[in-house]
């Protein structure tokens, strides 16, 4: 697997996922919320991390009944995201 490392803000990445997934939430009758603290930048493969988060949100949509809420949250704790 080839990795394309870059430095990016996690909060920005999560907000990008939110904007991409919001229309899906609406069609499924779900609320999509984001609770993200300001987190230092990271160096990683942004596209792959974004794909992982989008997949987790998509799975949450599948198992959340209509009218429910899916929350994406991230915070730093002891140097770990």
N, C-alpha and C. Protein backbone atom coordinates (compact mmCIF):
# COMPACT_ATOMS: atom_id res chain seq x y z
N UNK A 1 0.84 -1.16 0.00
CA UNK A 1 0.00 0.00 0.00
C UNK A 1 0.90 1.24 0.00
N UNK A 2 0.67 2.12 -0.95
CA UNK A 2 1.42 3.36 -1.01
C UNK A 2 0.72 4.42 -0.17
N UNK A 3 1.50 5.13 0.62
CA UNK A 3 0.97 6.21 1.44
C UNK A 3 1.44 7.54 0.88
N UNK A 4 0.54 8.49 0.84
CA UNK A 4 0.88 9.85 0.42
C UNK A 4 0.76 10.74 1.64
N UNK A 5 1.86 10.89 2.34
CA UNK A 5 1.86 11.63 3.59
C UNK A 5 1.78 13.13 3.34
N UNK A 6 0.98 13.78 4.17
CA UNK A 6 0.89 15.24 4.17
C UNK A 6 0.55 15.67 5.58
N UNK A 7 0.71 16.94 5.84
CA UNK A 7 0.38 17.49 7.14
C UNK A 7 -0.94 18.24 7.00
N UNK A 8 -1.89 17.95 7.90
CA UNK A 8 -3.22 18.55 7.80
C UNK A 8 -3.86 18.62 9.18
N UNK A 9 -4.88 19.44 9.26
CA UNK A 9 -5.64 19.57 10.49
C UNK A 9 -6.75 18.54 10.56
N UNK A 10 -6.84 17.83 11.65
CA UNK A 10 -7.87 16.80 11.83
C UNK A 10 -9.26 17.42 11.84
N UNK A 11 -9.41 18.56 12.49
CA UNK A 11 -10.73 19.22 12.55
C UNK A 11 -11.23 19.55 11.15
N UNK A 12 -10.34 20.05 10.32
CA UNK A 12 -10.72 20.38 8.94
C UNK A 12 -11.14 19.13 8.17
N UNK A 13 -10.40 18.05 8.35
CA UNK A 13 -10.73 16.79 7.67
C UNK A 13 -12.11 16.30 8.10
N UNK A 14 -12.39 16.36 9.39
CA UNK A 14 -13.69 15.90 9.88
C UNK A 14 -14.82 16.78 9.35
N UNK A 15 -14.58 18.07 9.28
CA UNK A 15 -15.60 18.96 8.71
C UNK A 15 -15.83 18.66 7.23
N UNK A 16 -14.77 18.28 6.52
CA UNK A 16 -14.93 17.88 5.11
C UNK A 16 -15.79 16.63 5.00
N UNK A 17 -15.56 15.67 5.89
CA UNK A 17 -16.39 14.45 5.90
C UNK A 17 -17.84 14.83 6.23
N UNK A 18 -18.03 15.71 7.18
CA UNK A 18 -19.38 16.15 7.53
C UNK A 18 -20.10 16.73 6.32
N UNK A 19 -19.44 17.61 5.59
CA UNK A 19 -20.07 18.22 4.41
C UNK A 19 -20.39 17.19 3.33
N UNK A 20 -19.51 16.20 3.19
CA UNK A 20 -19.73 15.16 2.19
C UNK A 20 -20.87 14.22 2.58
N UNK A 21 -20.99 13.93 3.89
CA UNK A 21 -21.97 12.95 4.35
C UNK A 21 -23.32 13.57 4.74
N UNK A 22 -23.39 14.88 4.90
CA UNK A 22 -24.63 15.53 5.33
C UNK A 22 -25.82 15.23 4.42
N UNK A 23 -25.66 15.26 3.09
CA UNK A 23 -26.81 14.93 2.23
C UNK A 23 -27.32 13.50 2.44
N UNK A 24 -26.42 12.59 2.72
CA UNK A 24 -26.82 11.20 2.97
C UNK A 24 -27.62 11.13 4.27
N UNK A 25 -27.17 11.83 5.28
CA UNK A 25 -27.89 11.86 6.56
C UNK A 25 -29.31 12.38 6.36
N UNK A 26 -29.44 13.43 5.60
CA UNK A 26 -30.76 14.02 5.37
C UNK A 26 -31.69 13.02 4.68
N UNK A 27 -31.19 12.34 3.66
CA UNK A 27 -32.05 11.38 2.96
C UNK A 27 -32.44 10.20 3.84
N UNK A 28 -31.63 9.89 4.84
CA UNK A 28 -31.95 8.79 5.76
C UNK A 28 -32.72 9.26 6.99
N UNK A 29 -33.02 10.56 7.04
CA UNK A 29 -33.77 11.09 8.18
C UNK A 29 -32.95 11.15 9.46
N UNK A 30 -31.64 11.37 9.32
CA UNK A 30 -30.75 11.39 10.48
C UNK A 30 -30.15 12.78 10.67
N UNK A 31 -29.78 13.05 11.90
CA UNK A 31 -29.02 14.25 12.20
C UNK A 31 -27.54 13.87 12.23
N UNK A 32 -26.71 14.71 11.63
CA UNK A 32 -25.27 14.50 11.67
C UNK A 32 -24.65 15.66 12.42
N UNK A 33 -23.97 15.37 13.51
CA UNK A 33 -23.36 16.41 14.33
C UNK A 33 -21.86 16.19 14.40
N UNK A 34 -21.14 17.28 14.62
CA UNK A 34 -19.69 17.22 14.76
C UNK A 34 -19.30 17.92 16.05
N UNK A 35 -18.50 17.25 16.85
CA UNK A 35 -17.95 17.80 18.08
C UNK A 35 -16.44 17.61 18.04
N UNK A 36 -15.75 18.63 17.57
CA UNK A 36 -14.31 18.52 17.38
C UNK A 36 -13.61 19.67 18.08
N UNK A 37 -12.69 19.31 18.94
CA UNK A 37 -11.84 20.30 19.57
C UNK A 37 -10.73 20.66 18.58
N UNK A 38 -10.11 21.80 18.80
CA UNK A 38 -8.95 22.12 17.97
C UNK A 38 -7.84 21.14 18.31
N UNK A 39 -7.42 20.44 17.32
CA UNK A 39 -6.41 19.40 17.48
C UNK A 39 -5.20 19.81 16.65
N UNK A 40 -4.00 19.61 17.18
CA UNK A 40 -2.81 19.94 16.38
C UNK A 40 -2.81 19.20 15.05
N UNK A 41 -2.06 19.71 14.13
CA UNK A 41 -1.96 19.05 12.83
C UNK A 41 -1.26 17.71 12.98
N UNK A 42 -1.54 16.83 12.03
CA UNK A 42 -0.93 15.50 12.01
C UNK A 42 -0.28 15.27 10.65
N UNK A 43 0.59 14.32 10.60
CA UNK A 43 1.17 13.90 9.32
C UNK A 43 0.69 12.48 9.07
N UNK A 44 -0.06 12.31 7.99
CA UNK A 44 -0.63 11.01 7.65
C UNK A 44 -1.10 11.06 6.21
N UNK A 45 -1.64 9.97 5.73
CA UNK A 45 -2.25 9.94 4.40
C UNK A 45 -3.68 10.47 4.55
N UNK A 46 -3.89 11.72 4.19
CA UNK A 46 -5.17 12.39 4.42
C UNK A 46 -6.33 11.65 3.75
N UNK A 47 -6.13 11.23 2.52
CA UNK A 47 -7.20 10.56 1.79
C UNK A 47 -7.62 9.25 2.48
N UNK A 48 -6.66 8.51 2.96
CA UNK A 48 -6.98 7.23 3.62
C UNK A 48 -7.67 7.47 4.97
N UNK A 49 -7.21 8.46 5.73
CA UNK A 49 -7.86 8.77 7.00
C UNK A 49 -9.28 9.25 6.76
N UNK A 50 -9.46 10.09 5.75
CA UNK A 50 -10.81 10.57 5.41
C UNK A 50 -11.71 9.40 5.01
N UNK A 51 -11.19 8.45 4.26
CA UNK A 51 -11.96 7.28 3.85
C UNK A 51 -12.37 6.45 5.06
N UNK A 52 -11.48 6.27 6.02
CA UNK A 52 -11.80 5.51 7.23
C UNK A 52 -12.93 6.18 8.00
N UNK A 53 -12.83 7.49 8.19
CA UNK A 53 -13.86 8.21 8.94
C UNK A 53 -15.19 8.17 8.19
N UNK A 54 -15.17 8.36 6.88
CA UNK A 54 -16.40 8.29 6.08
C UNK A 54 -17.03 6.90 6.17
N UNK A 55 -16.21 5.86 6.17
CA UNK A 55 -16.74 4.49 6.29
C UNK A 55 -17.39 4.27 7.65
N UNK A 56 -16.77 4.79 8.70
CA UNK A 56 -17.36 4.67 10.05
C UNK A 56 -18.70 5.40 10.11
N UNK A 57 -18.76 6.59 9.54
CA UNK A 57 -20.01 7.35 9.52
C UNK A 57 -21.06 6.61 8.70
N UNK A 58 -20.67 6.08 7.57
CA UNK A 58 -21.60 5.33 6.73
C UNK A 58 -22.17 4.13 7.48
N UNK A 59 -21.32 3.41 8.21
CA UNK A 59 -21.79 2.28 9.02
C UNK A 59 -22.74 2.75 10.12
N UNK A 60 -22.43 3.88 10.73
CA UNK A 60 -23.32 4.42 11.76
C UNK A 60 -24.68 4.75 11.15
N UNK A 61 -24.69 5.28 9.94
CA UNK A 61 -25.96 5.58 9.27
C UNK A 61 -26.78 4.31 9.07
N UNK A 62 -26.11 3.22 8.70
CA UNK A 62 -26.81 1.96 8.44
C UNK A 62 -27.52 1.42 9.68
N UNK A 63 -26.92 1.64 10.85
CA UNK A 63 -27.44 1.03 12.06
C UNK A 63 -28.16 2.01 12.99
N UNK A 64 -28.38 3.24 12.52
CA UNK A 64 -29.11 4.23 13.31
C UNK A 64 -30.50 4.39 12.72
N UNK A 65 -31.53 4.21 13.52
CA UNK A 65 -32.90 4.34 12.98
C UNK A 65 -33.21 5.78 12.59
N UNK A 66 -34.12 5.90 11.64
CA UNK A 66 -34.56 7.22 11.18
C UNK A 66 -34.96 8.07 12.38
N UNK A 67 -34.58 9.35 12.34
CA UNK A 67 -34.84 10.24 13.45
C UNK A 67 -33.71 10.28 14.45
N UNK A 68 -32.72 9.41 14.27
CA UNK A 68 -31.59 9.33 15.18
C UNK A 68 -30.51 10.34 14.87
N UNK A 69 -29.46 10.29 15.64
CA UNK A 69 -28.36 11.23 15.52
C UNK A 69 -27.03 10.48 15.49
N UNK A 70 -26.18 10.87 14.56
CA UNK A 70 -24.82 10.34 14.47
C UNK A 70 -23.88 11.50 14.75
N UNK A 71 -22.95 11.30 15.67
CA UNK A 71 -22.01 12.35 16.03
C UNK A 71 -20.59 11.92 15.72
N UNK A 72 -19.89 12.77 15.00
CA UNK A 72 -18.46 12.57 14.77
C UNK A 72 -17.75 13.45 15.80
N UNK A 73 -16.92 12.83 16.61
CA UNK A 73 -16.21 13.63 17.61
C UNK A 73 -14.73 13.25 17.60
N UNK A 74 -13.92 14.22 17.95
CA UNK A 74 -12.49 13.99 18.05
C UNK A 74 -11.91 14.95 19.08
N UNK A 75 -10.98 14.42 19.83
CA UNK A 75 -10.29 15.25 20.81
C UNK A 75 -8.92 14.64 21.05
N UNK A 76 -8.04 15.44 21.52
CA UNK A 76 -6.70 14.96 21.86
C UNK A 76 -6.70 14.57 23.33
N UNK A 77 -6.10 13.46 23.63
CA UNK A 77 -5.99 13.02 25.01
C UNK A 77 -4.64 12.37 25.24
N UNK A 78 -3.82 12.96 26.07
CA UNK A 78 -2.51 12.42 26.37
C UNK A 78 -1.66 12.20 25.11
N UNK A 79 -1.79 13.14 24.16
CA UNK A 79 -0.99 13.05 22.94
C UNK A 79 -1.51 12.07 21.93
N UNK A 80 -2.68 11.48 22.17
CA UNK A 80 -3.26 10.49 21.26
C UNK A 80 -4.59 11.02 20.76
N UNK A 81 -4.86 10.84 19.47
CA UNK A 81 -6.14 11.26 18.92
C UNK A 81 -7.14 10.13 18.99
